PDB file of N, CA and C in Angstrom:
ATOM      1  N   MET A   1     167.929 114.137 107.128  1.00  0.00           N
ATOM      2  CA  MET A   1     166.642 113.722 107.669  1.00  0.00           C
ATOM      3  C   MET A   1     166.807 112.329 108.266  1.00  0.00           C
ATOM      4  N   ASP A   2     166.247 112.141 109.451  1.00  0.00           N
ATOM      5  CA  ASP A   2     166.345 110.828 110.070  1.00  0.00           C
ATOM      6  C   ASP A   2     165.333 109.868 109.434  1.00  0.00           C
ATOM      7  N   GLU A   3     165.584 108.578 109.608  1.00  0.00           N
ATOM      8  CA  GLU A   3     164.785 107.548 108.948  1.00  0.00           C
ATOM      9  C   GLU A   3     163.312 107.576 109.367  1.00  0.00           C
ATOM     10  N   GLN A   4     163.043 107.787 110.644  1.00  0.00           N
ATOM     11  CA  GLN A   4     161.657 107.809 111.117  1.00  0.00           C
ATOM     12  C   GLN A   4     160.880 108.970 110.499  1.00  0.00           C
ATOM     13  N   THR A   5     161.515 110.134 110.402  1.00  0.00           N
ATOM     14  CA  THR A   5     160.861 111.281 109.775  1.00  0.00           C
ATOM     15  C   THR A   5     160.579 110.990 108.311  1.00  0.00           C
ATOM     16  N   GLN A   6     161.527 110.360 107.625  1.00  0.00           N
ATOM     17  CA  GLN A   6     161.318 110.007 106.222  1.00  0.00           C
ATOM     18  C   GLN A   6     160.139 109.052 106.072  1.00  0.00           C
ATOM     19  N   ILE A   7     160.049 108.046 106.932  1.00  0.00           N
ATOM     20  CA  ILE A   7     158.936 107.093 106.897  1.00  0.00           C
ATOM     21  C   ILE A   7     157.611 107.826 107.112  1.00  0.00           C
ATOM     22  N   GLU A   8     157.570 108.737 108.068  1.00  0.00           N
ATOM     23  CA  GLU A   8     156.341 109.479 108.356  1.00  0.00           C
ATOM     24  C   GLU A   8     155.939 110.373 107.192  1.00  0.00           C
ATOM     25  N   LEU A   9     156.905 111.012 106.544  1.00  0.00           N
ATOM     26  CA  LEU A   9     156.609 111.860 105.395  1.00  0.00           C
ATOM     27  C   LEU A   9     156.118 111.031 104.214  1.00  0.00           C
ATOM     28  N   GLU A  10     156.748 109.872 103.991  1.00  0.00           N
ATOM     29  CA  GLU A  10     156.303 108.992 102.913  1.00  0.00           C
ATOM     30  C   GLU A  10     154.886 108.493 103.178  1.00  0.00           C
ATOM     31  N   ALA A  11     154.594 108.153 104.421  1.00  0.00           N
ATOM     32  CA  ALA A  11     153.239 107.702 104.775  1.00  0.00           C
ATOM     33  C   ALA A  11     152.230 108.828 104.569  1.00  0.00           C
ATOM     34  N   ALA A  12     152.603 110.053 104.935  1.00  0.00           N
ATOM     35  CA  ALA A  12     151.700 111.198 104.743  1.00  0.00           C
ATOM     36  C   ALA A  12     151.456 111.439 103.262  1.00  0.00           C
ATOM     37  N   ALA A  13     152.497 111.312 102.443  1.00  0.00           N
ATOM     38  CA  ALA A  13     152.334 111.496 100.995  1.00  0.00           C
ATOM     39  C   ALA A  13     151.422 110.409 100.425  1.00  0.00           C
ATOM     40  N   PHE A  14     151.571 109.168 100.884  1.00  0.00           N
ATOM     41  CA  PHE A  14     150.700 108.088 100.434  1.00  0.00           C
ATOM     42  C   PHE A  14     149.252 108.369 100.817  1.00  0.00           C
ATOM     43  N   ARG A  15     149.030 108.808 102.050  1.00  0.00           N
ATOM     44  CA  ARG A  15     147.656 109.106 102.481  1.00  0.00           C
ATOM     45  C   ARG A  15     147.060 110.237 101.642  1.00  0.00           C
ATOM     46  N   ARG A  16     147.872 111.212 101.283  1.00  0.00           N
ATOM     47  CA  ARG A  16     147.369 112.321 100.462  1.00  0.00           C
ATOM     48  C   ARG A  16     147.070 111.854  99.048  1.00  0.00           C
ATOM     49  N   LEU A  17     147.902 110.977  98.493  1.00  0.00           N
ATOM     50  CA  LEU A  17     147.635 110.401  97.177  1.00  0.00           C
ATOM     51  C   LEU A  17     146.332 109.618  97.211  1.00  0.00           C
ATOM     52  N   ARG A  18     146.152 108.815  98.236  1.00  0.00           N
ATOM     53  CA  ARG A  18     144.919 108.034  98.373  1.00  0.00           C
ATOM     54  C   ARG A  18     143.714 108.963  98.428  1.00  0.00           C
ATOM     55  N   LYS A  19     143.777 110.015  99.249  1.00  0.00           N
ATOM     56  CA  LYS A  19     142.668 110.966  99.350  1.00  0.00           C
ATOM     57  C   LYS A  19     142.398 111.609  97.988  1.00  0.00           C
ATOM     58  N   HIS A  20     143.440 111.993  97.301  1.00  0.00           N
ATOM     59  CA  HIS A  20     143.283 112.620  95.987  1.00  0.00           C
ATOM     60  C   HIS A  20     142.542 111.696  95.028  1.00  0.00           C
ATOM     61  N   LEU A  21     142.948 110.430  95.000  1.00  0.00           N
ATOM     62  CA  LEU A  21     142.336 109.473  94.071  1.00  0.00           C
ATOM     63  C   LEU A  21     140.961 109.002  94.516  1.00  0.00           C
ATOM     64  N   MET A  22     140.731 108.929  95.818  1.00  0.00           N
ATOM     65  CA  MET A  22     139.484 108.360  96.320  1.00  0.00           C
ATOM     66  C   MET A  22     138.408 109.398  96.618  1.00  0.00           C
ATOM     67  N   GLU A  23     138.819 110.656  96.831  1.00  0.00           N
ATOM     68  CA  GLU A  23     137.843 111.686  97.175  1.00  0.00           C
ATOM     69  C   GLU A  23     137.835 112.847  96.182  1.00  0.00           C
ATOM     70  N   ASP A  24     139.014 113.302  95.796  1.00  0.00           N
ATOM     71  CA  ASP A  24     139.099 114.500  94.955  1.00  0.00           C
ATOM     72  C   ASP A  24     138.895 114.208  93.474  1.00  0.00           C
ATOM     73  N   ARG A  25     139.364 113.043  93.014  1.00  0.00           N
ATOM     74  CA  ARG A  25     139.322 112.739  91.572  1.00  0.00           C
ATOM     75  C   ARG A  25     138.710 111.375  91.296  1.00  0.00           C
ATOM     76  N   THR A  26     137.518 111.166  91.810  1.00  0.00           N
ATOM     77  CA  THR A  26     136.821 109.908  91.542  1.00  0.00           C
ATOM     78  C   THR A  26     136.449 109.784  90.070  1.00  0.00           C
ATOM     79  N   ASP A  27     136.509 110.902  89.338  1.00  0.00           N
ATOM     80  CA  ASP A  27     136.195 110.886  87.913  1.00  0.00           C
ATOM     81  C   ASP A  27     137.291 110.230  87.078  1.00  0.00           C
ATOM     82  N   VAL A  28     138.484 110.157  87.607  1.00  0.00           N
ATOM     83  CA  VAL A  28     139.590 109.551  86.869  1.00  0.00           C
ATOM     84  C   VAL A  28     139.439 108.039  86.949  1.00  0.00           C
ATOM     85  N   GLN A  29     139.343 107.415  85.799  1.00  0.00           N
ATOM     86  CA  GLN A  29     139.108 105.973  85.734  1.00  0.00           C
ATOM     87  C   GLN A  29     140.407 105.191  85.915  1.00  0.00           C
ATOM     88  N   ASN A  30     140.322 104.048  86.603  1.00  0.00           N
ATOM     89  CA  ASN A  30     141.482 103.184  86.785  1.00  0.00           C
ATOM     90  C   ASN A  30     142.115 102.812  85.447  1.00  0.00           C
ATOM     91  N   ILE A  31     141.287 102.515  84.463  1.00  0.00           N
ATOM     92  CA  ILE A  31     141.817 102.082  83.177  1.00  0.00           C
ATOM     93  C   ILE A  31     142.655 103.192  82.538  1.00  0.00           C
ATOM     94  N   ASP A  32     142.241 104.438  82.692  1.00  0.00           N
ATOM     95  CA  ASP A  32     143.022 105.552  82.150  1.00  0.00           C
ATOM     96  C   ASP A  32     144.336 105.727  82.906  1.00  0.00           C
ATOM     97  N   MET A  33     144.277 105.569  84.229  1.00  0.00           N
ATOM     98  CA  MET A  33     145.507 105.649  85.024  1.00  0.00           C
ATOM     99  C   MET A  33     146.491 104.572  84.589  1.00  0.00           C
ATOM    100  N   MET A  34     145.993 103.359  84.431  1.00  0.00           N
ATOM    101  CA  MET A  34     146.862 102.247  84.039  1.00  0.00           C
ATOM    102  C   MET A  34     147.438 102.485  82.654  1.00  0.00           C
ATOM    103  N   ASN A  35     146.595 102.937  81.739  1.00  0.00           N
ATOM    104  CA  ASN A  35     147.052 103.147  80.366  1.00  0.00           C
ATOM    105  C   ASN A  35     148.084 104.266  80.278  1.00  0.00           C
ATOM    106  N   LEU A  36     147.938 105.295  81.093  1.00  0.00           N
ATOM    107  CA  LEU A  36     148.851 106.443  81.029  1.00  0.00           C
ATOM    108  C   LEU A  36     150.047 106.328  81.959  1.00  0.00           C
ATOM    109  N   ALA A  37     149.820 105.806  83.166  1.00  0.00           N
ATOM    110  CA  ALA A  37     150.871 105.833  84.182  1.00  0.00           C
ATOM    111  C   ALA A  37     151.428 104.460  84.540  1.00  0.00           C
ATOM    112  N   GLY A  38     150.742 103.409  84.132  1.00  0.00           N
ATOM    113  CA  GLY A  38     151.233 102.070  84.437  1.00  0.00           C
ATOM    114  C   GLY A  38     150.856 101.577  85.824  1.00  0.00           C
ATOM    115  N   PHE A  39     149.968 102.292  86.506  1.00  0.00           N
ATOM    116  CA  PHE A  39     149.443 101.840  87.789  1.00  0.00           C
ATOM    117  C   PHE A  39     148.074 102.476  87.996  1.00  0.00           C
ATOM    118  N   CYS A  40     147.311 101.903  88.929  1.00  0.00           N
ATOM    119  CA  CYS A  40     145.981 102.439  89.227  1.00  0.00           C
ATOM    120  C   CYS A  40     145.673 102.194  90.698  1.00  0.00           C
ATOM    121  N   ARG A  41     144.469 102.481  91.099  1.00  0.00           N
ATOM    122  CA  ARG A  41     144.064 102.275  92.491  1.00  0.00           C
ATOM    123  C   ARG A  41     144.225 100.814  92.900  1.00  0.00           C
ATOM    124  N   ASN A  42     143.909  99.895  91.988  1.00  0.00           N
ATOM    125  CA  ASN A  42     144.050  98.474  92.305  1.00  0.00           C
ATOM    126  C   ASN A  42     145.508  98.110  92.563  1.00  0.00           C
ATOM    127  N   CYS A  43     146.420  98.713  91.810  1.00  0.00           N
ATOM    128  CA  CYS A  43     147.845  98.476  92.047  1.00  0.00           C
ATOM    129  C   CYS A  43     148.236  98.963  93.437  1.00  0.00           C
ATOM    130  N   LEU A  44     147.761 100.145  93.804  1.00  0.00           N
ATOM    131  CA  LEU A  44     148.066 100.680  95.129  1.00  0.00           C
ATOM    132  C   LEU A  44     147.540  99.765  96.228  1.00  0.00           C
ATOM    133  N   SER A  45     146.345  99.233  96.037  1.00  0.00           N
ATOM    134  CA  SER A  45     145.812  98.310  97.046  1.00  0.00           C
ATOM    135  C   SER A  45     146.613  97.010  97.070  1.00  0.00           C
ATOM    136  N   ARG A  46     147.092  96.571  95.914  1.00  0.00           N
ATOM    137  CA  ARG A  46     147.920  95.354  95.864  1.00  0.00           C
ATOM    138  C   ARG A  46     149.255  95.590  96.560  1.00  0.00           C
ATOM    139  N   TRP A  47     149.852  96.746  96.350  1.00  0.00           N
ATOM    140  CA  TRP A  47     151.118  97.072  97.024  1.00  0.00           C
ATOM    141  C   TRP A  47     150.923  97.140  98.532  1.00  0.00           C
ATOM    142  N   TYR A  48     149.778  97.644  98.954  1.00  0.00           N
ATOM    143  CA  TYR A  48     149.426  97.672 100.375  1.00  0.00           C
ATOM    144  C   TYR A  48     149.341  96.237 100.905  1.00  0.00           C
ATOM    145  N   GLN A  49     148.665  95.384 100.154  1.00  0.00           N
ATOM    146  CA  GLN A  49     148.536  93.971 100.533  1.00  0.00           C
ATOM    147  C   GLN A  49     149.908  93.316 100.612  1.00  0.00           C
ATOM    148  N   GLU A  50     150.740  93.545  99.614  1.00  0.00           N
ATOM    149  CA  GLU A  50     152.075  92.945  99.601  1.00  0.00           C
ATOM    150  C   GLU A  50     152.908  93.401 100.794  1.00  0.00           C
ATOM    151  N   ALA A  51     152.804  94.684 101.153  1.00  0.00           N
ATOM    152  CA  ALA A  51     153.528  95.193 102.314  1.00  0.00           C
ATOM    153  C   ALA A  51     153.025  94.527 103.592  1.00  0.00           C
ATOM    154  N   ALA A  52     151.713  94.366 103.700  1.00  0.00           N
ATOM    155  CA  ALA A  52     151.148  93.693 104.878  1.00  0.00           C
ATOM    156  C   ALA A  52     151.622  92.248 104.940  1.00  0.00           C
ATOM    157  N   ASN A  53     151.542  91.552 103.815  1.00  0.00           N
ATOM    158  CA  ASN A  53     151.969  90.147 103.780  1.00  0.00           C
ATOM    159  C   ASN A  53     153.448  90.006 104.125  1.00  0.00           C
ATOM    160  N   ALA A  54     154.279  90.942 103.661  1.00  0.00           N
ATOM    161  CA  ALA A  54     155.715  90.903 103.957  1.00  0.00           C
ATOM    162  C   ALA A  54     155.992  91.069 105.451  1.00  0.00           C
ATOM    163  N   ARG A  55     155.061  91.706 106.147  1.00  0.00           N
ATOM    164  CA  ARG A  55     155.197  91.886 107.605  1.00  0.00           C
ATOM    165  C   ARG A  55     154.485  90.775 108.380  1.00  0.00           C
ATOM    166  N   GLY A  56     154.025  89.758 107.672  1.00  0.00           N
ATOM    167  CA  GLY A  56     153.368  88.637 108.330  1.00  0.00           C
ATOM    168  C   GLY A  56     151.896  88.856 108.606  1.00  0.00           C
ATOM    169  N   ILE A  57     151.318  89.886 108.026  1.00  0.00           N
ATOM    170  CA  ILE A  57     149.888  90.158 108.197  1.00  0.00           C
ATOM    171  C   ILE A  57     149.139  89.467 107.068  1.00  0.00           C
ATOM    172  N   ASP A  58     148.229  88.582 107.420  1.00  0.00           N
ATOM    173  CA  ASP A  58     147.455  87.851 106.422  1.00  0.00           C
ATOM    174  C   ASP A  58     146.377  88.777 105.853  1.00  0.00           C
ATOM    175  N   MET A  59     146.536  89.137 104.591  1.00  0.00           N
ATOM    176  CA  MET A  59     145.582  90.030 103.938  1.00  0.00           C
ATOM    177  C   MET A  59     145.421  89.582 102.496  1.00  0.00           C
ATOM    178  N   GLY A  60     144.184  89.356 102.104  1.00  0.00           N
ATOM    179  CA  GLY A  60     143.894  88.964 100.734  1.00  0.00           C
ATOM    180  C   GLY A  60     143.638  90.166  99.845  1.00  0.00           C
ATOM    181  N   LYS A  61     143.525  89.898  98.557  1.00  0.00           N
ATOM    182  CA  LYS A  61     143.324  90.946  97.553  1.00  0.00           C
ATOM    183  C   LYS A  61     142.061  91.768  97.810  1.00  0.00           C
ATOM    184  N   MET A  62     140.955  91.105  98.058  1.00  0.00           N
ATOM    185  CA  MET A  62     139.701  91.829  98.237  1.00  0.00           C
ATOM    186  C   MET A  62     139.702  92.628  99.547  1.00  0.00           C
ATOM    187  N   GLU A  63     140.294  92.077 100.589  1.00  0.00           N
ATOM    188  CA  GLU A  63     140.400  92.817 101.850  1.00  0.00           C
ATOM    189  C   GLU A  63     141.249  94.078 101.664  1.00  0.00           C
ATOM    190  N   ALA A  64     142.360  93.944 100.955  1.00  0.00           N
ATOM    191  CA  ALA A  64     143.223  95.098 100.701  1.00  0.00           C
ATOM    192  C   ALA A  64     142.493  96.156  99.876  1.00  0.00           C
ATOM    193  N   ARG A  65     141.753  95.709  98.877  1.00  0.00           N
ATOM    194  CA  ARG A  65     141.003  96.668  98.059  1.00  0.00           C
ATOM    195  C   ARG A  65     139.953  97.392  98.887  1.00  0.00           C
ATOM    196  N   GLU A  66     139.261  96.656  99.729  1.00  0.00           N
ATOM    197  CA  GLU A  66     138.227  97.280 100.543  1.00  0.00           C
ATOM    198  C   GLU A  66     138.840  98.280 101.523  1.00  0.00           C
ATOM    199  N   LEU A  67     139.993  97.948 102.085  1.00  0.00           N
ATOM    200  CA  LEU A  67     140.677  98.885 102.978  1.00  0.00           C
ATOM    201  C   LEU A  67     141.134 100.122 102.204  1.00  0.00           C
ATOM    202  N   TYR A  68     141.695  99.918 101.018  1.00  0.00           N
ATOM    203  CA  TYR A  68     142.177 101.052 100.236  1.00  0.00           C
ATOM    204  C   TYR A  68     141.024 101.921  99.729  1.00  0.00           C
ATOM    205  N   TYR A  69     140.026 101.284  99.152  1.00  0.00           N
ATOM    206  CA  TYR A  69     138.894 102.011  98.573  1.00  0.00           C
ATOM    207  C   TYR A  69     137.950 102.585  99.631  1.00  0.00           C
ATOM    208  N   GLY A  70     137.946 101.996 100.810  1.00  0.00           N
ATOM    209  CA  GLY A  70     137.021 102.441 101.840  1.00  0.00           C
ATOM    210  C   GLY A  70     135.606 101.945 101.603  1.00  0.00           C
ATOM    211  N   MET A  71     135.465 100.994 100.714  1.00  0.00           N
ATOM    212  CA  MET A  71     134.167 100.404 100.366  1.00  0.00           C
ATOM    213  C   MET A  71     134.448  99.167  99.521  1.00  0.00           C
ATOM    214  N   SER A  72     133.418  98.398  99.267  1.00  0.00           N
ATOM    215  CA  SER A  72     133.610  97.218  98.419  1.00  0.00           C
ATOM    216  C   SER A  72     133.850  97.653  96.973  1.00  0.00           C
ATOM    217  N   MET A  73     134.465  96.784  96.208  1.00  0.00           N
ATOM    218  CA  MET A  73     134.692  97.084  94.793  1.00  0.00           C
ATOM    219  C   MET A  73     133.368  97.256  94.059  1.00  0.00           C
ATOM    220  N   ASP A  74     132.375  96.447  94.403  1.00  0.00           N
ATOM    221  CA  ASP A  74     131.065  96.583  93.768  1.00  0.00           C
ATOM    222  C   ASP A  74     130.481  97.972  94.006  1.00  0.00           C
ATOM    223  N   GLU A  75     130.620  98.466  95.235  1.00  0.00           N
ATOM    224  CA  GLU A  75     130.110  99.800  95.543  1.00  0.00           C
ATOM    225  C   GLU A  75     130.877 100.876  94.767  1.00  0.00           C
ATOM    226  N   TRP A  76     132.218 100.763  94.735  1.00  0.00           N
ATOM    227  CA  TRP A  76     133.039 101.731  93.986  1.00  0.00           C
ATOM    228  C   TRP A  76     132.631 101.741  92.518  1.00  0.00           C
ATOM    229  N   LYS A  77     132.529 100.560  91.943  1.00  0.00           N
ATOM    230  CA  LYS A  77     132.184 100.467  90.525  1.00  0.00           C
ATOM    231  C   LYS A  77     130.821 101.084  90.241  1.00  0.00           C
ATOM    232  N   SER A  78     129.854 100.814  91.097  1.00  0.00           N
ATOM    233  CA  SER A  78     128.513 101.353  90.846  1.00  0.00           C
ATOM    234  C   SER A  78     128.475 102.873  90.997  1.00  0.00           C
ATOM    235  N   LYS A  79     129.308 103.423  91.853  1.00  0.00           N
ATOM    236  CA  LYS A  79     129.327 104.868  92.078  1.00  0.00           C
ATOM    237  C   LYS A  79     130.164 105.625  91.048  1.00  0.00           C
ATOM    238  N   TYR A  80     131.316 105.053  90.647  1.00  0.00           N
ATOM    239  CA  TYR A  80     132.299 105.858  89.922  1.00  0.00           C
ATOM    240  C   TYR A  80     132.800 105.285  88.596  1.00  0.00           C
ATOM    241  N   GLN A  81     132.726 103.994  88.407  1.00  0.00           N
ATOM    242  CA  GLN A  81     133.332 103.409  87.208  1.00  0.00           C
ATOM    243  C   GLN A  81     132.406 103.530  86.008  1.00  0.00           C
ATOM    244  N   THR A  82     132.988 103.944  84.897  1.00  0.00           N
ATOM    245  CA  THR A  82     132.246 104.024  83.646  1.00  0.00           C
ATOM    246  C   THR A  82     132.661 102.869  82.743  1.00  0.00           C
ATOM    247  N   GLU A  83     131.887 102.641  81.709  1.00  0.00           N
ATOM    248  CA  GLU A  83     132.179 101.568  80.759  1.00  0.00           C
ATOM    249  C   GLU A  83     133.414 101.931  79.941  1.00  0.00           C
ATOM    250  N   ALA A  84     134.349 101.013  79.841  1.00  0.00           N
ATOM    251  CA  ALA A  84     135.568 101.245  79.057  1.00  0.00           C
ATOM    252  C   ALA A  84     135.279 101.054  77.575  1.00  0.00           C
ATOM    253  N   THR A  85     135.899 101.893  76.777  1.00  0.00           N
ATOM    254  CA  THR A  85     135.766 101.767  75.327  1.00  0.00           C
ATOM    255  C   THR A  85     136.638 100.618  74.838  1.00  0.00           C
ATOM    256  N   PRO A  86     136.382 100.120  73.645  1.00  0.00           N
ATOM    257  CA  PRO A  86     137.257  99.081  73.088  1.00  0.00           C
ATOM    258  C   PRO A  86     138.716  99.556  72.991  1.00  0.00           C
ATOM    259  N   GLU A  87     138.919 100.826  72.692  1.00  0.00           N
ATOM    260  CA  GLU A  87     140.286 101.368  72.605  1.00  0.00           C
ATOM    261  C   GLU A  87     140.959 101.358  73.978  1.00  0.00           C
ATOM    262  N   GLN A  88     140.223 101.742  75.018  1.00  0.00           N
ATOM    263  CA  GLN A  88     140.773 101.713  76.372  1.00  0.00           C
ATOM    264  C   GLN A  88     141.116 100.284  76.783  1.00  0.00           C
ATOM    265  N   GLN A  89     140.242  99.356  76.456  1.00  0.00           N
ATOM    266  CA  GLN A  89     140.473  97.955  76.814  1.00  0.00           C
ATOM    267  C   GLN A  89     141.706  97.402  76.112  1.00  0.00           C
ATOM    268  N   ALA A  90     141.888  97.737  74.848  1.00  0.00           N
ATOM    269  CA  ALA A  90     143.064  97.266  74.104  1.00  0.00           C
ATOM    270  C   ALA A  90     144.344  97.851  74.687  1.00  0.00           C
ATOM    271  N   ALA A  91     144.325  99.147  74.992  1.00  0.00           N
ATOM    272  CA  ALA A  91     145.500  99.794  75.588  1.00  0.00           C
ATOM    273  C   ALA A  91     145.789  99.216  76.968  1.00  0.00           C
ATOM    274  N   PHE A  92     144.732  98.867  77.702  1.00  0.00           N
ATOM    275  CA  PHE A  92     144.902  98.295  79.037  1.00  0.00           C
ATOM    276  C   PHE A  92     145.620  96.953  78.976  1.00  0.00           C
ATOM    277  N   LYS A  93     145.275  96.123  78.020  1.00  0.00           N
ATOM    278  CA  LYS A  93     145.935  94.814  77.901  1.00  0.00           C
ATOM    279  C   LYS A  93     147.440  94.988  77.767  1.00  0.00           C
ATOM    280  N   VAL A  94     147.850  95.946  76.958  1.00  0.00           N
ATOM    281  CA  VAL A  94     149.276  96.223  76.759  1.00  0.00           C
ATOM    282  C   VAL A  94     149.886  96.783  78.043  1.00  0.00           C
ATOM    283  N   ALA A  95     149.251  97.796  78.622  1.00  0.00           N
ATOM    284  CA  ALA A  95     149.781  98.438  79.828  1.00  0.00           C
ATOM    285  C   ALA A  95     149.864  97.455  80.988  1.00  0.00           C
ATOM    286  N   PHE A  96     148.853  96.620  81.146  1.00  0.00           N
ATOM    287  CA  PHE A  96     148.850  95.653  82.245  1.00  0.00           C
ATOM    288  C   PHE A  96     150.012  94.679  82.081  1.00  0.00           C
ATOM    289  N   GLU A  97     150.180  94.161  80.903  1.00  0.00           N
ATOM    290  CA  GLU A  97     151.265  93.197  80.670  1.00  0.00           C
ATOM    291  C   GLU A  97     152.629  93.838  80.896  1.00  0.00           C
ATOM    292  N   GLU A  98     152.794  95.065  80.432  1.00  0.00           N
ATOM    293  CA  GLU A  98     154.072  95.761  80.592  1.00  0.00           C
ATOM    294  C   GLU A  98     154.369  96.104  82.050  1.00  0.00           C
ATOM    295  N   ASN A  99     153.351  96.466  82.808  1.00  0.00           N
ATOM    296  CA  ASN A  99     153.565  96.985  84.144  1.00  0.00           C
ATOM    297  C   ASN A  99     153.284  96.019  85.273  1.00  0.00           C
ATOM    298  N   VAL A 100     152.417  95.061  85.032  1.00  0.00           N
ATOM    299  CA  VAL A 100     152.051  94.123  86.085  1.00  0.00           C
ATOM    300  C   VAL A 100     152.422  92.701  85.688  1.00  0.00           C
ATOM    301  N   GLY A 101     152.101  92.335  84.470  1.00  0.00           N
ATOM    302  CA  GLY A 101     152.417  90.991  83.990  1.00  0.00           C
ATOM    303  C   GLY A 101     151.730  89.930  84.803  1.00  0.00           C
ATOM    304  N   SER A 102     152.374  88.798  84.925  1.00  0.00           N
ATOM    305  CA  SER A 102     151.763  87.658  85.608  1.00  0.00           C
ATOM    306  C   SER A 102     151.717  87.847  87.123  1.00  0.00           C
ATOM    307  N   GLU A 103     152.510  88.766  87.682  1.00  0.00           N
ATOM    308  CA  GLU A 103     152.524  88.943  89.139  1.00  0.00           C
ATOM    309  C   GLU A 103     151.207  89.469  89.691  1.00  0.00           C
ATOM    310  N   GLY A 104     150.422  90.187  88.862  1.00  0.00           N
ATOM    311  CA  GLY A 104     149.179  90.766  89.350  1.00  0.00           C
ATOM    312  C   GLY A 104     147.956  89.955  89.051  1.00  0.00           C
ATOM    313  N   LYS A 105     148.109  88.807  88.441  1.00  0.00           N
ATOM    314  CA  LYS A 105     146.949  87.998  88.043  1.00  0.00           C
ATOM    315  C   LYS A 105     146.508  87.095  89.151  1.00  0.00           C
TER     316      LYS A 105
END
């Protein structure tokens, strides 16, 4: 497979993952994704931001999130986010430190 085709396939897979998380499975909470998989929608938006910044595109955290989510974080939270349990919050602290650490703060 040539490099351009690989890039296009990877981009298509990313777009499908985004659609799955943003349209098909809005019921899946970020905190559960982070606790189980070590990443969530916010991580994906941060990786998008980092890729843009690496290419010299000035993009902040909130701009990247809004581009990824297709809406403001406040709107996403009001539509889809539920209250985290104390157990979820405790597991998140561990998962965040293990998977993101100080780089995501």
